[in-house]
């Protein structure tokens, strides 16, 4: 973990006692696990290999958003009452907007688990998104903590309210840039003009409706 991430982690955890922090992380894991199941289902139905979506609970914290990604990629617990995770075979870029910054985590699974993985260079993908938003890569591609292998990379986009730069706006720009890259490289269907993507990828996802 880089110094920037450690500094951010300490700042985010400040003011939270151990019990509150544990509770927050449990909620983040649950949110990620449920979103992972949604993505698994959408991928199975639509045959899609890559997705972009937003997470609410990390609120721009990069460490927490990485925890979300790990939860999305985790294999399901056969003894658990509900399925969680299950989407390690699906490539993803996820976003979380906070007051001070937008956090971005990208993941590309190993090629044997995803037929489009070879089309997506994770380094170029996240750099393209950073270029579109004025963001900075924090962690370059490294081995992902996923049962389906692959690589993970992270980035942040700092807010600058005095210049009209807000994370919530940067999130929309970042997601558009992420989809543009995927479409340009044949890893996501061309936009046909309908609003079906928003049902799966938008901020208004109701996790309990799936």
N, C-alpha and C. Protein backbone atom coordinates (compact mmCIF):
# COMPACT_ATOMS: atom_id res chain seq x y z
N UNK A 1 0.83 -1.19 0.00
CA UNK A 1 0.00 0.00 0.00
C UNK A 1 0.87 1.25 0.00
N UNK A 2 0.59 2.22 -0.86
CA UNK A 2 1.40 3.41 -0.96
C UNK A 2 1.11 4.38 0.20
N UNK A 3 2.01 5.37 0.38
CA UNK A 3 1.86 6.32 1.47
C UNK A 3 0.54 7.07 1.37
N UNK A 4 0.14 7.43 0.12
CA UNK A 4 -1.12 8.15 -0.07
C UNK A 4 -2.28 7.35 0.47
N UNK A 5 -2.29 6.04 0.18
CA UNK A 5 -3.38 5.19 0.62
C UNK A 5 -3.38 5.06 2.15
N UNK A 6 -2.18 4.90 2.74
CA UNK A 6 -2.10 4.76 4.20
C UNK A 6 -2.57 6.02 4.89
N UNK A 7 -2.18 7.18 4.33
CA UNK A 7 -2.60 8.45 4.89
C UNK A 7 -4.11 8.59 4.82
N UNK A 8 -4.67 8.21 3.66
CA UNK A 8 -6.11 8.29 3.47
C UNK A 8 -6.84 7.36 4.42
N UNK A 9 -6.29 6.16 4.60
CA UNK A 9 -6.90 5.17 5.48
C UNK A 9 -6.98 5.70 6.91
N UNK A 10 -5.87 6.29 7.40
CA UNK A 10 -5.85 6.81 8.76
C UNK A 10 -6.85 7.94 8.93
N UNK A 11 -6.93 8.79 7.91
CA UNK A 11 -7.86 9.91 7.96
C UNK A 11 -9.30 9.43 7.99
N UNK A 12 -9.60 8.43 7.16
CA UNK A 12 -10.97 7.91 7.08
C UNK A 12 -11.36 7.21 8.37
N UNK A 13 -10.39 6.56 9.02
CA UNK A 13 -10.68 5.81 10.23
C UNK A 13 -10.70 6.69 11.48
N UNK A 14 -10.17 7.91 11.36
CA UNK A 14 -10.13 8.79 12.51
C UNK A 14 -11.55 9.09 12.99
N UNK A 15 -11.73 9.01 14.29
CA UNK A 15 -13.06 9.30 14.85
C UNK A 15 -13.95 8.09 14.93
N UNK A 16 -13.53 6.96 14.37
CA UNK A 16 -14.32 5.73 14.45
C UNK A 16 -13.68 4.80 15.47
N UNK A 17 -14.48 4.34 16.44
CA UNK A 17 -13.92 3.36 17.36
C UNK A 17 -13.88 2.00 16.66
N UNK A 18 -13.24 1.04 17.30
CA UNK A 18 -13.03 -0.26 16.66
C UNK A 18 -14.35 -0.92 16.28
N UNK A 19 -15.35 -0.80 17.13
CA UNK A 19 -16.64 -1.43 16.85
C UNK A 19 -17.34 -0.78 15.66
N UNK A 20 -17.29 0.56 15.61
CA UNK A 20 -17.93 1.28 14.50
C UNK A 20 -17.21 0.99 13.18
N UNK A 21 -15.89 0.91 13.25
CA UNK A 21 -15.11 0.63 12.05
C UNK A 21 -15.41 -0.78 11.53
N UNK A 22 -15.49 -1.72 12.44
CA UNK A 22 -15.81 -3.10 12.05
C UNK A 22 -17.20 -3.18 11.42
N UNK A 23 -18.13 -2.43 11.98
CA UNK A 23 -19.50 -2.42 11.45
C UNK A 23 -19.54 -1.81 10.05
N UNK A 24 -18.78 -0.72 9.86
CA UNK A 24 -18.74 -0.07 8.55
C UNK A 24 -18.16 -1.00 7.51
N UNK A 25 -17.05 -1.64 7.83
CA UNK A 25 -16.41 -2.55 6.87
C UNK A 25 -17.32 -3.73 6.54
N UNK A 26 -18.08 -4.21 7.53
CA UNK A 26 -19.02 -5.30 7.29
C UNK A 26 -20.10 -4.87 6.29
N UNK A 27 -20.55 -3.62 6.40
CA UNK A 27 -21.56 -3.10 5.47
C UNK A 27 -20.98 -2.96 4.06
N UNK A 28 -19.72 -2.53 3.99
CA UNK A 28 -19.07 -2.38 2.69
C UNK A 28 -18.90 -3.75 2.02
N UNK A 29 -18.51 -4.74 2.81
CA UNK A 29 -18.38 -6.11 2.29
C UNK A 29 -19.73 -6.63 1.80
N UNK A 30 -20.78 -6.33 2.56
CA UNK A 30 -22.12 -6.79 2.18
C UNK A 30 -22.58 -6.11 0.89
N UNK A 31 -22.35 -4.79 0.80
CA UNK A 31 -22.73 -4.06 -0.42
C UNK A 31 -21.99 -4.62 -1.63
N UNK A 32 -20.68 -4.86 -1.47
CA UNK A 32 -19.90 -5.40 -2.57
C UNK A 32 -20.34 -6.79 -2.95
N UNK A 33 -20.62 -7.62 -1.95
CA UNK A 33 -21.06 -8.99 -2.22
C UNK A 33 -22.37 -9.04 -2.97
N UNK A 34 -23.32 -8.19 -2.58
CA UNK A 34 -24.61 -8.16 -3.25
C UNK A 34 -24.49 -7.62 -4.67
N UNK A 35 -23.66 -6.59 -4.83
CA UNK A 35 -23.46 -6.05 -6.18
C UNK A 35 -22.80 -7.08 -7.08
N UNK A 36 -21.89 -7.87 -6.51
CA UNK A 36 -21.23 -8.92 -7.27
C UNK A 36 -22.23 -9.93 -7.81
N UNK A 37 -23.21 -10.30 -7.00
CA UNK A 37 -24.24 -11.25 -7.44
C UNK A 37 -25.06 -10.65 -8.57
N UNK A 38 -25.38 -9.34 -8.46
CA UNK A 38 -26.11 -8.67 -9.54
C UNK A 38 -25.33 -8.74 -10.85
N UNK A 39 -24.04 -8.46 -10.75
CA UNK A 39 -23.19 -8.47 -11.94
C UNK A 39 -23.08 -9.87 -12.52
N UNK A 40 -22.96 -10.86 -11.64
CA UNK A 40 -22.93 -12.25 -12.11
C UNK A 40 -24.18 -12.57 -12.92
N UNK A 41 -25.34 -12.17 -12.38
CA UNK A 41 -26.61 -12.45 -13.05
C UNK A 41 -26.73 -11.72 -14.38
N UNK A 42 -26.35 -10.45 -14.39
CA UNK A 42 -26.42 -9.67 -15.63
C UNK A 42 -25.46 -10.23 -16.67
N UNK A 43 -24.30 -10.68 -16.21
CA UNK A 43 -23.32 -11.26 -17.14
C UNK A 43 -23.84 -12.57 -17.72
N UNK A 44 -24.44 -13.38 -16.87
CA UNK A 44 -24.98 -14.66 -17.33
C UNK A 44 -26.09 -14.45 -18.36
N UNK A 45 -26.93 -13.45 -18.11
CA UNK A 45 -28.06 -13.20 -19.01
C UNK A 45 -27.62 -12.53 -20.31
N UNK A 46 -26.68 -11.57 -20.20
CA UNK A 46 -26.30 -10.79 -21.36
C UNK A 46 -25.01 -11.20 -22.01
N UNK A 47 -24.27 -12.11 -21.38
CA UNK A 47 -23.00 -12.54 -21.93
C UNK A 47 -21.92 -11.47 -21.91
N UNK A 48 -22.06 -10.50 -21.01
CA UNK A 48 -21.10 -9.40 -20.94
C UNK A 48 -19.89 -9.78 -20.09
N UNK A 49 -18.72 -9.35 -20.53
CA UNK A 49 -17.47 -9.69 -19.84
C UNK A 49 -16.95 -8.57 -18.95
N UNK A 50 -17.41 -7.34 -19.18
CA UNK A 50 -16.93 -6.20 -18.40
C UNK A 50 -18.09 -5.32 -17.97
N UNK A 51 -17.96 -4.72 -16.80
CA UNK A 51 -18.97 -3.83 -16.25
C UNK A 51 -18.30 -2.63 -15.60
N UNK A 52 -19.03 -1.52 -15.54
CA UNK A 52 -18.63 -0.36 -14.74
C UNK A 52 -19.80 0.01 -13.85
N UNK A 53 -19.54 0.28 -12.59
CA UNK A 53 -20.63 0.61 -11.68
C UNK A 53 -20.11 1.45 -10.53
N UNK A 54 -21.02 1.96 -9.72
CA UNK A 54 -20.65 2.79 -8.58
C UNK A 54 -20.98 2.09 -7.27
N UNK A 55 -20.24 2.44 -6.24
CA UNK A 55 -20.49 1.94 -4.89
C UNK A 55 -20.71 3.15 -3.99
N UNK A 56 -21.67 3.04 -3.08
CA UNK A 56 -22.02 4.18 -2.25
C UNK A 56 -21.24 4.25 -0.94
N UNK A 57 -21.15 3.15 -0.23
CA UNK A 57 -20.63 3.18 1.14
C UNK A 57 -19.17 3.59 1.30
N UNK A 58 -18.28 3.29 0.35
CA UNK A 58 -16.89 3.72 0.54
C UNK A 58 -16.71 5.25 0.58
N UNK A 59 -17.64 5.99 -0.01
CA UNK A 59 -17.63 7.45 0.01
C UNK A 59 -16.26 8.04 -0.37
N UNK A 60 -15.69 7.52 -1.44
CA UNK A 60 -14.46 8.08 -1.96
C UNK A 60 -13.19 7.55 -1.32
N UNK A 61 -13.32 6.62 -0.38
CA UNK A 61 -12.15 6.05 0.28
C UNK A 61 -11.61 4.89 -0.54
N UNK A 62 -10.35 4.99 -0.96
CA UNK A 62 -9.77 4.01 -1.87
C UNK A 62 -9.61 2.64 -1.22
N UNK A 63 -9.22 2.62 0.04
CA UNK A 63 -9.07 1.34 0.73
C UNK A 63 -10.41 0.61 0.82
N UNK A 64 -11.45 1.35 1.15
CA UNK A 64 -12.78 0.75 1.28
C UNK A 64 -13.30 0.29 -0.08
N UNK A 65 -13.01 1.06 -1.13
CA UNK A 65 -13.48 0.67 -2.46
C UNK A 65 -12.75 -0.59 -2.93
N UNK A 66 -11.49 -0.73 -2.57
CA UNK A 66 -10.76 -1.96 -2.88
C UNK A 66 -11.37 -3.14 -2.15
N UNK A 67 -11.81 -2.91 -0.92
CA UNK A 67 -12.52 -3.94 -0.16
C UNK A 67 -13.81 -4.33 -0.87
N UNK A 68 -14.49 -3.35 -1.44
CA UNK A 68 -15.70 -3.61 -2.23
C UNK A 68 -15.38 -4.54 -3.39
N UNK A 69 -14.29 -4.23 -4.12
CA UNK A 69 -13.92 -5.05 -5.26
C UNK A 69 -13.60 -6.48 -4.83
N UNK A 70 -12.84 -6.62 -3.76
CA UNK A 70 -12.52 -7.97 -3.26
C UNK A 70 -13.78 -8.74 -2.92
N UNK A 71 -14.76 -8.05 -2.35
CA UNK A 71 -16.03 -8.70 -1.98
C UNK A 71 -16.83 -9.10 -3.21
N UNK A 72 -16.79 -8.29 -4.23
CA UNK A 72 -17.48 -8.60 -5.48
C UNK A 72 -16.88 -9.82 -6.16
N UNK A 73 -15.56 -9.97 -6.02
CA UNK A 73 -14.86 -11.05 -6.71
C UNK A 73 -14.84 -12.36 -5.93
N UNK A 74 -15.17 -12.32 -4.65
CA UNK A 74 -15.04 -13.50 -3.79
C UNK A 74 -15.95 -14.64 -4.24
N UNK A 75 -15.48 -15.87 -4.05
CA UNK A 75 -16.33 -17.03 -4.30
C UNK A 75 -17.41 -17.10 -3.23
N UNK A 76 -18.61 -17.59 -3.57
CA UNK A 76 -19.69 -17.66 -2.59
C UNK A 76 -19.39 -18.67 -1.49
N UNK A 77 -19.88 -18.37 -0.30
CA UNK A 77 -19.76 -19.29 0.83
C UNK A 77 -20.89 -20.30 0.73
N UNK A 78 -20.59 -21.58 0.53
CA UNK A 78 -21.65 -22.59 0.37
C UNK A 78 -22.55 -22.74 1.59
N UNK A 79 -22.07 -22.28 2.75
CA UNK A 79 -22.86 -22.40 3.97
C UNK A 79 -23.63 -21.12 4.30
N UNK A 80 -23.41 -20.07 3.54
CA UNK A 80 -24.09 -18.81 3.81
C UNK A 80 -25.54 -18.87 3.33
N UNK A 81 -26.38 -18.09 4.00
CA UNK A 81 -27.80 -18.06 3.65
C UNK A 81 -28.02 -17.41 2.28
N UNK A 82 -27.26 -16.37 2.00
CA UNK A 82 -27.38 -15.65 0.72
C UNK A 82 -26.09 -15.75 -0.07
N UNK A 83 -26.23 -15.80 -1.40
CA UNK A 83 -25.06 -15.77 -2.26
C UNK A 83 -24.47 -14.36 -2.26
N UNK A 84 -23.15 -14.28 -2.19
CA UNK A 84 -22.47 -12.99 -2.25
C UNK A 84 -21.21 -13.15 -3.10
N UNK A 85 -20.81 -12.05 -3.74
CA UNK A 85 -19.61 -12.09 -4.57
C UNK A 85 -19.91 -12.68 -5.94
N UNK A 86 -19.19 -13.73 -6.29
CA UNK A 86 -19.49 -14.55 -7.47
C UNK A 86 -19.12 -13.93 -8.82
N UNK A 87 -18.53 -12.74 -8.84
CA UNK A 87 -18.28 -12.09 -10.14
C UNK A 87 -16.79 -11.91 -10.43
N UNK A 88 -15.96 -12.77 -9.87
CA UNK A 88 -14.53 -12.68 -10.13
C UNK A 88 -14.15 -12.89 -11.58
N UNK A 89 -15.03 -13.54 -12.34
CA UNK A 89 -14.75 -13.78 -13.76
C UNK A 89 -15.09 -12.59 -14.65
N UNK A 90 -15.69 -11.56 -14.06
CA UNK A 90 -16.12 -10.39 -14.82
C UNK A 90 -15.15 -9.23 -14.56
N UNK A 91 -14.65 -8.62 -15.63
CA UNK A 91 -13.80 -7.45 -15.48
C UNK A 91 -14.64 -6.26 -15.04
N UNK A 92 -14.05 -5.38 -14.21
CA UNK A 92 -14.84 -4.29 -13.65
C UNK A 92 -14.00 -3.04 -13.42
N UNK A 93 -14.65 -1.90 -13.52
CA UNK A 93 -14.11 -0.67 -12.97
C UNK A 93 -15.21 -0.09 -12.11
N UNK A 94 -14.89 0.17 -10.83
CA UNK A 94 -15.90 0.67 -9.91
C UNK A 94 -15.46 2.03 -9.38
N UNK A 95 -16.47 2.84 -9.01
CA UNK A 95 -16.23 4.23 -8.63
C UNK A 95 -16.98 4.54 -7.34
N UNK A 96 -16.39 5.41 -6.53
CA UNK A 96 -17.07 5.89 -5.33
C UNK A 96 -16.72 7.35 -5.11
N UNK A 97 -17.74 8.21 -5.08
CA UNK A 97 -17.52 9.65 -4.92
C UNK A 97 -17.70 10.06 -3.47
N UNK A 98 -16.73 10.80 -2.95
CA UNK A 98 -16.83 11.41 -1.63
C UNK A 98 -16.74 12.91 -1.77
N UNK A 99 -16.63 13.60 -0.65
CA UNK A 99 -16.53 15.06 -0.70
C UNK A 99 -15.19 15.49 -1.28
N UNK A 100 -14.12 14.85 -0.85
CA UNK A 100 -12.78 15.28 -1.23
C UNK A 100 -12.26 14.65 -2.51
N UNK A 101 -12.78 13.49 -2.88
CA UNK A 101 -12.22 12.83 -4.06
C UNK A 101 -13.14 11.73 -4.59
N UNK A 102 -12.82 11.33 -5.81
CA UNK A 102 -13.43 10.16 -6.44
C UNK A 102 -12.40 9.04 -6.39
N UNK A 103 -12.81 7.88 -5.88
CA UNK A 103 -11.94 6.71 -5.85
C UNK A 103 -12.29 5.79 -7.01
N UNK A 104 -11.29 5.18 -7.62
CA UNK A 104 -11.48 4.30 -8.78
C UNK A 104 -10.67 3.03 -8.57
N UNK A 105 -11.30 1.88 -8.80
CA UNK A 105 -10.60 0.60 -8.75
C UNK A 105 -10.95 -0.18 -10.01
N UNK A 106 -9.92 -0.62 -10.72
CA UNK A 106 -10.11 -1.40 -11.95
C UNK A 106 -9.62 -2.83 -11.73
N UNK A 107 -10.32 -3.76 -12.38
CA UNK A 107 -9.96 -5.19 -12.25
C UNK A 107 -10.15 -5.89 -13.58
N UNK A 108 -9.14 -6.66 -13.98
CA UNK A 108 -9.22 -7.50 -15.18
C UNK A 108 -8.85 -8.92 -14.77
N UNK A 109 -9.78 -9.88 -14.91
CA UNK A 109 -9.48 -11.26 -14.50
C UNK A 109 -8.51 -11.95 -15.44
N UNK A 110 -8.02 -13.10 -15.01
CA UNK A 110 -7.13 -13.90 -15.85
C UNK A 110 -7.86 -14.34 -17.12
N UNK A 111 -7.12 -14.48 -18.20
CA UNK A 111 -7.70 -14.78 -19.50
C UNK A 111 -8.51 -16.05 -19.57
N UNK A 112 -8.14 -17.07 -18.78
CA UNK A 112 -8.88 -18.33 -18.85
C UNK A 112 -10.29 -18.22 -18.28
N UNK A 113 -10.57 -17.12 -17.56
CA UNK A 113 -11.89 -16.94 -16.95
C UNK A 113 -12.74 -15.90 -17.67
N UNK A 114 -12.15 -15.20 -18.65
CA UNK A 114 -12.86 -14.11 -19.31
C UNK A 114 -12.37 -13.99 -20.74
N UNK A 115 -13.26 -14.21 -21.69
CA UNK A 115 -12.86 -14.27 -23.09
C UNK A 115 -12.42 -12.93 -23.66
N UNK A 116 -12.77 -11.83 -22.97
CA UNK A 116 -12.38 -10.50 -23.46
C UNK A 116 -11.22 -9.91 -22.68
N UNK A 117 -10.69 -10.64 -21.71
CA UNK A 117 -9.63 -10.09 -20.86
C UNK A 117 -8.42 -9.64 -21.67
N UNK A 118 -8.10 -10.36 -22.74
CA UNK A 118 -6.94 -10.01 -23.56
C UNK A 118 -7.13 -8.72 -24.34
N UNK A 119 -8.36 -8.23 -24.42
CA UNK A 119 -8.62 -6.99 -25.16
C UNK A 119 -8.41 -5.74 -24.30
N UNK A 120 -8.32 -5.94 -23.00
CA UNK A 120 -8.27 -4.80 -22.08
C UNK A 120 -6.93 -4.76 -21.36
N UNK A 121 -6.16 -3.73 -21.63
CA UNK A 121 -4.92 -3.47 -20.92
C UNK A 121 -5.27 -2.61 -19.71
N UNK A 122 -5.21 -3.18 -18.52
CA UNK A 122 -5.68 -2.46 -17.33
C UNK A 122 -4.93 -1.16 -17.10
N UNK A 123 -3.65 -1.12 -17.42
CA UNK A 123 -2.85 0.09 -17.24
C UNK A 123 -3.36 1.20 -18.15
N UNK A 124 -3.58 0.88 -19.42
CA UNK A 124 -4.08 1.88 -20.36
C UNK A 124 -5.50 2.29 -20.01
N UNK A 125 -6.31 1.31 -19.58
CA UNK A 125 -7.70 1.58 -19.24
C UNK A 125 -7.80 2.62 -18.12
N UNK A 126 -7.10 2.40 -17.03
CA UNK A 126 -7.21 3.33 -15.90
C UNK A 126 -6.50 4.65 -16.21
N UNK A 127 -5.45 4.61 -17.01
CA UNK A 127 -4.78 5.86 -17.41
C UNK A 127 -5.67 6.70 -18.30
N UNK A 128 -6.45 6.05 -19.17
CA UNK A 128 -7.39 6.79 -20.03
C UNK A 128 -8.44 7.51 -19.18
N UNK A 129 -8.93 6.82 -18.16
CA UNK A 129 -9.94 7.41 -17.28
C UNK A 129 -9.34 8.57 -16.49
N UNK A 130 -8.11 8.41 -16.02
CA UNK A 130 -7.43 9.49 -15.30
C UNK A 130 -7.21 10.70 -16.21
N UNK A 131 -6.86 10.44 -17.45
CA UNK A 131 -6.64 11.53 -18.40
C UNK A 131 -7.92 12.33 -18.62
N UNK A 132 -9.05 11.63 -18.66
CA UNK A 132 -10.34 12.28 -18.90
C UNK A 132 -10.80 13.10 -17.70
N UNK A 133 -10.33 12.76 -16.51
CA UNK A 133 -10.82 13.39 -15.28
C UNK A 133 -9.78 14.22 -14.53
N UNK A 134 -8.53 14.18 -14.99
CA UNK A 134 -7.48 14.84 -14.23
C UNK A 134 -7.10 14.06 -12.99
N UNK A 135 -7.26 12.74 -13.05
CA UNK A 135 -6.97 11.88 -11.92
C UNK A 135 -5.53 11.40 -11.90
N UNK A 136 -5.20 10.65 -10.86
CA UNK A 136 -3.84 10.14 -10.66
C UNK A 136 -3.89 8.66 -10.31
N UNK A 137 -3.08 7.87 -10.98
CA UNK A 137 -2.97 6.46 -10.63
C UNK A 137 -2.24 6.36 -9.29
N UNK A 138 -2.84 5.65 -8.35
CA UNK A 138 -2.24 5.47 -7.03
C UNK A 138 -1.48 4.15 -6.96
N UNK A 139 -2.12 3.08 -7.41
CA UNK A 139 -1.48 1.76 -7.43
C UNK A 139 -1.48 1.24 -8.85
N UNK A 140 -0.32 1.08 -9.47
CA UNK A 140 -0.25 0.51 -10.82
C UNK A 140 -0.68 -0.95 -10.79
N UNK A 141 -0.92 -1.55 -11.95
CA UNK A 141 -1.40 -2.93 -11.98
C UNK A 141 -0.57 -3.88 -11.13
N UNK A 142 -1.28 -4.68 -10.34
CA UNK A 142 -0.65 -5.67 -9.47
C UNK A 142 -1.59 -6.87 -9.39
N UNK A 143 -1.09 -7.97 -8.85
CA UNK A 143 -1.91 -9.17 -8.73
C UNK A 143 -3.14 -8.89 -7.89
N UNK A 144 -4.30 -9.31 -8.39
CA UNK A 144 -5.56 -9.08 -7.69
C UNK A 144 -5.82 -10.15 -6.63
N UNK A 145 -6.52 -9.74 -5.58
CA UNK A 145 -6.95 -10.69 -4.56
C UNK A 145 -8.29 -11.27 -5.01
N UNK A 146 -8.23 -12.15 -5.98
CA UNK A 146 -9.43 -12.72 -6.58
C UNK A 146 -9.21 -14.19 -6.89
N UNK A 147 -10.22 -15.03 -6.65
CA UNK A 147 -10.08 -16.45 -6.99
C UNK A 147 -9.93 -16.68 -8.49
N UNK A 148 -10.23 -15.66 -9.28
CA UNK A 148 -10.10 -15.77 -10.74
C UNK A 148 -8.84 -15.06 -11.23
N UNK A 149 -7.91 -14.78 -10.32
CA UNK A 149 -6.63 -14.19 -10.69
C UNK A 149 -6.78 -12.82 -11.31
N UNK A 150 -5.85 -12.48 -12.18
CA UNK A 150 -5.91 -11.21 -12.87
C UNK A 150 -5.20 -10.09 -12.14
N UNK A 151 -5.49 -8.85 -12.56
CA UNK A 151 -4.80 -7.66 -12.06
C UNK A 151 -5.77 -6.62 -11.56
N UNK A 152 -5.27 -5.80 -10.63
CA UNK A 152 -6.06 -4.70 -10.08
C UNK A 152 -5.20 -3.44 -10.11
N UNK A 153 -5.85 -2.29 -10.28
CA UNK A 153 -5.16 -1.00 -10.26
C UNK A 153 -6.11 0.02 -9.65
N UNK A 154 -5.55 1.06 -9.03
CA UNK A 154 -6.40 2.06 -8.38
C UNK A 154 -5.98 3.47 -8.76
N UNK A 155 -6.93 4.41 -8.59
CA UNK A 155 -6.66 5.81 -8.90
C UNK A 155 -7.59 6.69 -8.08
N UNK A 156 -7.24 7.96 -7.99
CA UNK A 156 -8.11 8.94 -7.33
C UNK A 156 -8.19 10.19 -8.20
N UNK A 157 -9.30 10.90 -8.05
CA UNK A 157 -9.48 12.19 -8.70
C UNK A 157 -9.84 13.18 -7.59
N UNK A 158 -8.97 14.12 -7.30
CA UNK A 158 -9.20 15.07 -6.23
C UNK A 158 -10.22 16.13 -6.63
N UNK A 159 -11.10 16.45 -5.70
CA UNK A 159 -12.06 17.53 -5.93
C UNK A 159 -11.36 18.88 -5.78
N UNK A 160 -11.89 19.87 -6.47
CA UNK A 160 -11.37 21.24 -6.38
C UNK A 160 -12.57 22.18 -6.52
N UNK A 161 -13.36 22.29 -5.45
CA UNK A 161 -14.60 23.08 -5.51
C UNK A 161 -14.39 24.51 -5.98
N UNK A 162 -13.25 25.12 -5.63
CA UNK A 162 -13.01 26.51 -6.02
C UNK A 162 -12.95 26.68 -7.53
N UNK A 163 -12.65 25.57 -8.21
CA UNK A 163 -12.60 25.59 -9.68
C UNK A 163 -13.74 24.78 -10.31
N UNK A 164 -14.77 24.54 -9.50
CA UNK A 164 -15.95 23.84 -10.00
C UNK A 164 -15.72 22.36 -10.29
N UNK A 165 -14.74 21.77 -9.61
CA UNK A 165 -14.43 20.36 -9.84
C UNK A 165 -14.92 19.55 -8.63
N UNK A 166 -15.92 18.70 -8.86
CA UNK A 166 -16.53 17.92 -7.80
C UNK A 166 -16.51 16.43 -8.14
N UNK A 167 -16.29 15.61 -7.13
CA UNK A 167 -16.18 14.16 -7.35
C UNK A 167 -17.42 13.58 -8.00
N UNK A 168 -18.59 14.08 -7.62
CA UNK A 168 -19.84 13.53 -8.16
C UNK A 168 -19.92 13.75 -9.67
N UNK A 169 -19.39 14.87 -10.14
CA UNK A 169 -19.35 15.13 -11.58
C UNK A 169 -18.25 14.33 -12.26
N UNK A 170 -17.10 14.26 -11.59
CA UNK A 170 -15.99 13.49 -12.14
C UNK A 170 -16.35 12.02 -12.30
N UNK A 171 -17.22 11.53 -11.42
CA UNK A 171 -17.64 10.13 -11.49
C UNK A 171 -18.34 9.84 -12.82
N UNK A 172 -19.22 10.73 -13.24
CA UNK A 172 -19.92 10.53 -14.52
C UNK A 172 -18.94 10.58 -15.69
N UNK A 173 -17.99 11.52 -15.64
CA UNK A 173 -16.98 11.62 -16.69
C UNK A 173 -16.11 10.36 -16.73
N UNK A 174 -15.73 9.88 -15.53
CA UNK A 174 -14.88 8.69 -15.44
C UNK A 174 -15.59 7.46 -15.98
N UNK A 175 -16.86 7.31 -15.63
CA UNK A 175 -17.60 6.14 -16.09
C UNK A 175 -17.77 6.16 -17.61
N UNK A 176 -18.04 7.33 -18.15
CA UNK A 176 -18.18 7.46 -19.60
C UNK A 176 -16.87 7.10 -20.29
N UNK A 177 -15.75 7.56 -19.73
CA UNK A 177 -14.45 7.26 -20.32
C UNK A 177 -14.13 5.78 -20.23
N UNK A 178 -14.52 5.15 -19.11
CA UNK A 178 -14.28 3.72 -18.94
C UNK A 178 -15.05 2.91 -19.96
N UNK A 179 -16.31 3.26 -20.18
CA UNK A 179 -17.13 2.56 -21.18
C UNK A 179 -16.61 2.81 -22.59
N UNK A 180 -16.16 4.03 -22.85
CA UNK A 180 -15.63 4.36 -24.18
C UNK A 180 -14.43 3.47 -24.51
N UNK A 181 -13.54 3.28 -23.53
CA UNK A 181 -12.38 2.42 -23.74
C UNK A 181 -12.83 0.99 -24.03
N UNK A 182 -13.77 0.48 -23.24
CA UNK A 182 -14.22 -0.91 -23.43
C UNK A 182 -14.86 -1.10 -24.79
N UNK A 183 -15.68 -0.15 -25.20
CA UNK A 183 -16.34 -0.26 -26.50
C UNK A 183 -15.32 -0.18 -27.64
N UNK A 184 -14.35 0.70 -27.49
CA UNK A 184 -13.34 0.88 -28.53
C UNK A 184 -12.49 -0.37 -28.71
N UNK A 185 -12.39 -1.18 -27.68
CA UNK A 185 -11.56 -2.38 -27.74
C UNK A 185 -12.39 -3.66 -27.83
N UNK A 186 -13.67 -3.53 -28.12
CA UNK A 186 -14.52 -4.69 -28.34
C UNK A 186 -14.80 -5.52 -27.10
N UNK A 187 -14.72 -4.88 -25.93
CA UNK A 187 -14.96 -5.60 -24.68
C UNK A 187 -16.32 -5.28 -24.08
N UNK A 188 -17.09 -4.40 -24.74
CA UNK A 188 -18.43 -4.05 -24.29
C UNK A 188 -19.23 -3.68 -25.53
N UNK A 189 -20.52 -4.07 -25.58
CA UNK A 189 -21.33 -3.78 -26.77
C UNK A 189 -21.41 -2.29 -27.06
N UNK A 190 -21.52 -1.95 -28.35
CA UNK A 190 -21.71 -0.56 -28.73
C UNK A 190 -23.00 -0.03 -28.15
N UNK A 191 -23.00 1.26 -27.84
CA UNK A 191 -24.19 1.92 -27.28
C UNK A 191 -25.28 1.93 -28.34
N UNK A 192 -26.45 1.35 -27.98
CA UNK A 192 -27.56 1.32 -28.95
C UNK A 192 -28.59 2.40 -28.68
N UNK A 193 -28.27 3.27 -27.71
CA UNK A 193 -29.15 4.41 -27.48
C UNK A 193 -30.22 4.17 -26.45
N UNK A 194 -30.36 2.93 -25.93
CA UNK A 194 -31.39 2.73 -24.91
C UNK A 194 -30.78 3.00 -23.53
N UNK A 195 -31.62 2.89 -22.49
CA UNK A 195 -31.18 3.23 -21.14
C UNK A 195 -30.93 2.00 -20.29
N UNK A 196 -30.76 0.84 -20.93
CA UNK A 196 -30.64 -0.40 -20.16
C UNK A 196 -29.40 -0.42 -19.30
N UNK A 197 -28.30 0.25 -19.75
CA UNK A 197 -27.08 0.27 -18.95
C UNK A 197 -27.31 0.89 -17.58
N UNK A 198 -28.18 1.92 -17.54
CA UNK A 198 -28.38 2.63 -16.29
C UNK A 198 -29.02 1.73 -15.24
N UNK A 199 -29.80 0.78 -15.66
CA UNK A 199 -30.45 -0.11 -14.70
C UNK A 199 -29.42 -0.91 -13.93
N UNK A 200 -28.34 -1.26 -14.59
CA UNK A 200 -27.31 -2.08 -13.95
C UNK A 200 -26.21 -1.24 -13.34
N UNK A 201 -25.87 -0.14 -14.01
CA UNK A 201 -24.65 0.55 -13.62
C UNK A 201 -24.87 1.87 -12.89
N UNK A 202 -26.09 2.38 -12.86
CA UNK A 202 -26.31 3.72 -12.32
C UNK A 202 -26.27 3.80 -10.81
N UNK A 203 -26.35 5.04 -10.30
CA UNK A 203 -26.30 5.28 -8.86
C UNK A 203 -27.57 4.85 -8.15
N UNK A 204 -28.66 4.70 -8.90
CA UNK A 204 -29.94 4.43 -8.26
C UNK A 204 -30.26 2.96 -8.13
N UNK A 205 -29.24 2.11 -8.28
CA UNK A 205 -29.47 0.67 -8.15
C UNK A 205 -30.04 0.35 -6.78
N UNK A 206 -31.10 -0.41 -6.76
CA UNK A 206 -31.64 -0.89 -5.49
C UNK A 206 -31.21 -2.34 -5.34
N UNK A 207 -30.29 -2.58 -4.44
CA UNK A 207 -29.71 -3.91 -4.34
C UNK A 207 -30.73 -4.97 -3.97
N UNK A 208 -31.82 -4.54 -3.34
CA UNK A 208 -32.79 -5.53 -2.88
C UNK A 208 -33.79 -5.91 -3.97
N UNK A 209 -33.70 -5.24 -5.12
CA UNK A 209 -34.64 -5.54 -6.20
C UNK A 209 -34.17 -6.68 -7.08
N UNK A 210 -32.93 -7.17 -6.88
CA UNK A 210 -32.38 -8.18 -7.77
C UNK A 210 -32.45 -9.56 -7.14
